[in-house]
Amino acid sequence: MYALRFKEEPPTRRSVEQLRGIEGARVREMIWDQIESGLEDGNAVMAWSTNTESGFDFMTLGKNRRMPKEMDGVKLVSFLPENDDALEAL
């Protein structure tokens, strides 16, 4: 399945679980690339489960109020002010 999807042979010496993780990351990157190319003026958030302390990770794109913020090794969501005037004051 890996070779069919990515047009290359899977890395050697990997367990099925490791291959699933690699495949999941590559699919996520392909989806994110599609979102970036077609987003225009909108906003996007992609979240997925992972083996971090919080159990998930995420990315944001566009001019939205939610920005990823790393604190003590945990990724949190920081909210920017609602209007541009308050944002310029920062």
C-alpha atoms as a PDB file:
ATOM      1  CA  MET A   1       0.000   0.000   0.000  1.00  0.00           C
ATOM      2  CA  TYR A   2       2.839   2.403   0.865  1.00  0.00           C
ATOM      3  CA  ALA A   3       4.483   1.900  -2.549  1.00  0.00           C
ATOM      4  CA  LEU A   4       1.176   2.399  -4.358  1.00  0.00           C
ATOM      5  CA  ARG A   5       0.374   5.604  -2.511  1.00  0.00           C
ATOM      6  CA  PHE A   6       3.792   7.281  -2.584  1.00  0.00           C
ATOM      7  CA  LYS A   7       5.354   5.728  -5.708  1.00  0.00           C
ATOM      8  CA  GLU A   8       8.414   4.549  -3.776  1.00  0.00           C
ATOM      9  CA  GLU A   9       9.337   1.547  -1.693  1.00  0.00           C
ATOM     10  CA  PRO A  10       8.858   1.821   2.088  1.00  0.00           C
ATOM     11  CA  PRO A  11      11.916   2.290   4.297  1.00  0.00           C
ATOM     12  CA  THR A  12      13.549  -0.983   5.321  1.00  0.00           C
ATOM     13  CA  ARG A  13      13.734  -2.281   8.902  1.00  0.00           C
ATOM     14  CA  ARG A  14      10.484  -0.655   9.981  1.00  0.00           C
ATOM     15  CA  SER A  15       7.625  -2.270  11.870  1.00  0.00           C
ATOM     16  CA  VAL A  16       4.074  -2.055  10.574  1.00  0.00           C
ATOM     17  CA  GLU A  17       3.304   0.545  13.263  1.00  0.00           C
ATOM     18  CA  GLN A  18       6.272   2.688  12.178  1.00  0.00           C
ATOM     19  CA  LEU A  19       5.227   2.472   8.537  1.00  0.00           C
ATOM     20  CA  ARG A  20       1.702   3.530   9.482  1.00  0.00           C
ATOM     21  CA  GLY A  21       3.144   6.539  11.304  1.00  0.00           C
ATOM     22  CA  ILE A  22       5.305   7.514   8.330  1.00  0.00           C
ATOM     23  CA  GLU A  23       2.400   7.000   5.946  1.00  0.00           C
ATOM     24  CA  GLY A  24       0.081   9.054   8.163  1.00  0.00           C
ATOM     25  CA  ALA A  25       2.543  11.944   8.283  1.00  0.00           C
ATOM     26  CA  ARG A  26       3.009  11.895   4.503  1.00  0.00           C
ATOM     27  CA  VAL A  27      -0.744  11.847   3.887  1.00  0.00           C
ATOM     28  CA  ARG A  28      -1.194  14.707   6.372  1.00  0.00           C
ATOM     29  CA  GLU A  29       1.499  16.725   4.541  1.00  0.00           C
ATOM     30  CA  MET A  30      -0.189  16.070   1.184  1.00  0.00           C
ATOM     31  CA  ILE A  31      -3.557  17.199   2.549  1.00  0.00           C
ATOM     32  CA  TRP A  32      -2.005  20.314   4.141  1.00  0.00           C
ATOM     33  CA  ASP A  33      -0.337  21.225   0.832  1.00  0.00           C
ATOM     34  CA  GLN A  34      -3.749  21.054  -0.863  1.00  0.00           C
ATOM     35  CA  ILE A  35      -5.276  23.241   1.850  1.00  0.00           C
ATOM     36  CA  GLU A  36      -2.475  25.818   1.517  1.00  0.00           C
ATOM     37  CA  SER A  37      -2.837  26.054  -2.248  1.00  0.00           C
ATOM     38  CA  GLY A  38      -6.617  26.527  -2.166  1.00  0.00           C
ATOM     39  CA  LEU A  39      -7.281  28.454   1.033  1.00  0.00           C
ATOM     40  CA  GLU A  40      -7.256  32.026  -0.328  1.00  0.00           C
ATOM     41  CA  ASP A  41      -8.724  34.315   2.399  1.00  0.00           C
ATOM     42  CA  GLY A  42     -10.005  31.590   4.715  1.00  0.00           C
ATOM     43  CA  ASN A  43      -8.662  29.891   7.826  1.00  0.00           C
ATOM     44  CA  ALA A  44      -7.741  26.278   8.453  1.00  0.00           C
ATOM     45  CA  VAL A  45      -6.829  24.120  11.421  1.00  0.00           C
ATOM     46  CA  MET A  46      -5.575  20.558  11.170  1.00  0.00           C
ATOM     47  CA  ALA A  47      -5.363  18.427  14.313  1.00  0.00           C
ATOM     48  CA  TRP A  48      -4.234  14.825  14.741  1.00  0.00           C
ATOM     49  CA  SER A  49      -3.463  12.387  17.528  1.00  0.00           C
ATOM     50  CA  THR A  50       0.160  11.825  18.415  1.00  0.00           C
ATOM     51  CA  ASN A  51       2.336  10.545  21.258  1.00  0.00           C
ATOM     52  CA  THR A  52       2.893  13.947  22.889  1.00  0.00           C
ATOM     53  CA  GLU A  53       2.008  14.799  26.464  1.00  0.00           C
ATOM     54  CA  SER A  54      -1.284  16.337  25.339  1.00  0.00           C
ATOM     55  CA  GLY A  55      -2.044  13.437  22.980  1.00  0.00           C
ATOM     56  CA  PHE A  56      -2.489  15.626  19.905  1.00  0.00           C
ATOM     57  CA  ASP A  57      -0.796  18.181  17.692  1.00  0.00           C
ATOM     58  CA  PHE A  58      -2.145  20.789  15.293  1.00  0.00           C
ATOM     59  CA  MET A  59      -1.312  23.410  12.675  1.00  0.00           C
ATOM     60  CA  THR A  60      -3.140  26.592  11.726  1.00  0.00           C
ATOM     61  CA  LEU A  61      -3.170  28.602   8.535  1.00  0.00           C
ATOM     62  CA  GLY A  62      -4.653  31.945   7.536  1.00  0.00           C
ATOM     63  CA  LYS A  63      -5.418  35.139   9.367  1.00  0.00           C
ATOM     64  CA  ASN A  64      -7.242  33.682  12.319  1.00  0.00           C
ATOM     65  CA  ARG A  65      -7.265  34.482  16.005  1.00  0.00           C
ATOM     66  CA  ARG A  66      -5.885  31.133  17.089  1.00  0.00           C
ATOM     67  CA  MET A  67      -2.129  30.714  17.078  1.00  0.00           C
ATOM     68  CA  PRO A  68      -0.106  27.710  18.290  1.00  0.00           C
ATOM     69  CA  LYS A  69       1.994  28.543  21.356  1.00  0.00           C
ATOM     70  CA  GLU A  70       4.584  26.186  22.865  1.00  0.00           C
ATOM     71  CA  MET A  71       4.859  26.334  26.678  1.00  0.00           C
ATOM     72  CA  ASP A  72       6.941  23.876  28.703  1.00  0.00           C
ATOM     73  CA  GLY A  73       6.874  21.344  25.882  1.00  0.00           C
ATOM     74  CA  VAL A  74       3.081  21.457  25.492  1.00  0.00           C
ATOM     75  CA  LYS A  75       1.450  23.089  22.480  1.00  0.00           C
ATOM     76  CA  LEU A  76      -1.421  25.365  23.466  1.00  0.00           C
ATOM     77  CA  VAL A  77      -3.728  27.727  21.605  1.00  0.00           C
ATOM     78  CA  SER A  78      -3.222  31.459  22.032  1.00  0.00           C
ATOM     79  CA  PHE A  79      -6.128  33.722  21.100  1.00  0.00           C
ATOM     80  CA  LEU A  80      -5.304  37.046  19.486  1.00  0.00           C
ATOM     81  CA  PRO A  81      -7.555  40.084  20.027  1.00  0.00           C
ATOM     82  CA  GLU A  82     -10.830  40.061  18.068  1.00  0.00           C
ATOM     83  CA  ASN A  83     -10.259  43.252  16.070  1.00  0.00           C
ATOM     84  CA  ASP A  84      -7.322  44.605  14.083  1.00  0.00           C
ATOM     85  CA  ASP A  85      -7.039  47.787  16.208  1.00  0.00           C
ATOM     86  CA  ALA A  86      -6.307  45.775  19.330  1.00  0.00           C
ATOM     87  CA  LEU A  87      -3.904  43.609  17.352  1.00  0.00           C
ATOM     88  CA  GLU A  88      -1.928  46.639  16.122  1.00  0.00           C
ATOM     89  CA  ALA A  89      -1.571  47.834  19.740  1.00  0.00           C
ATOM     90  CA  LEU A  90       0.377  44.670  20.576  1.00  0.00           C
END
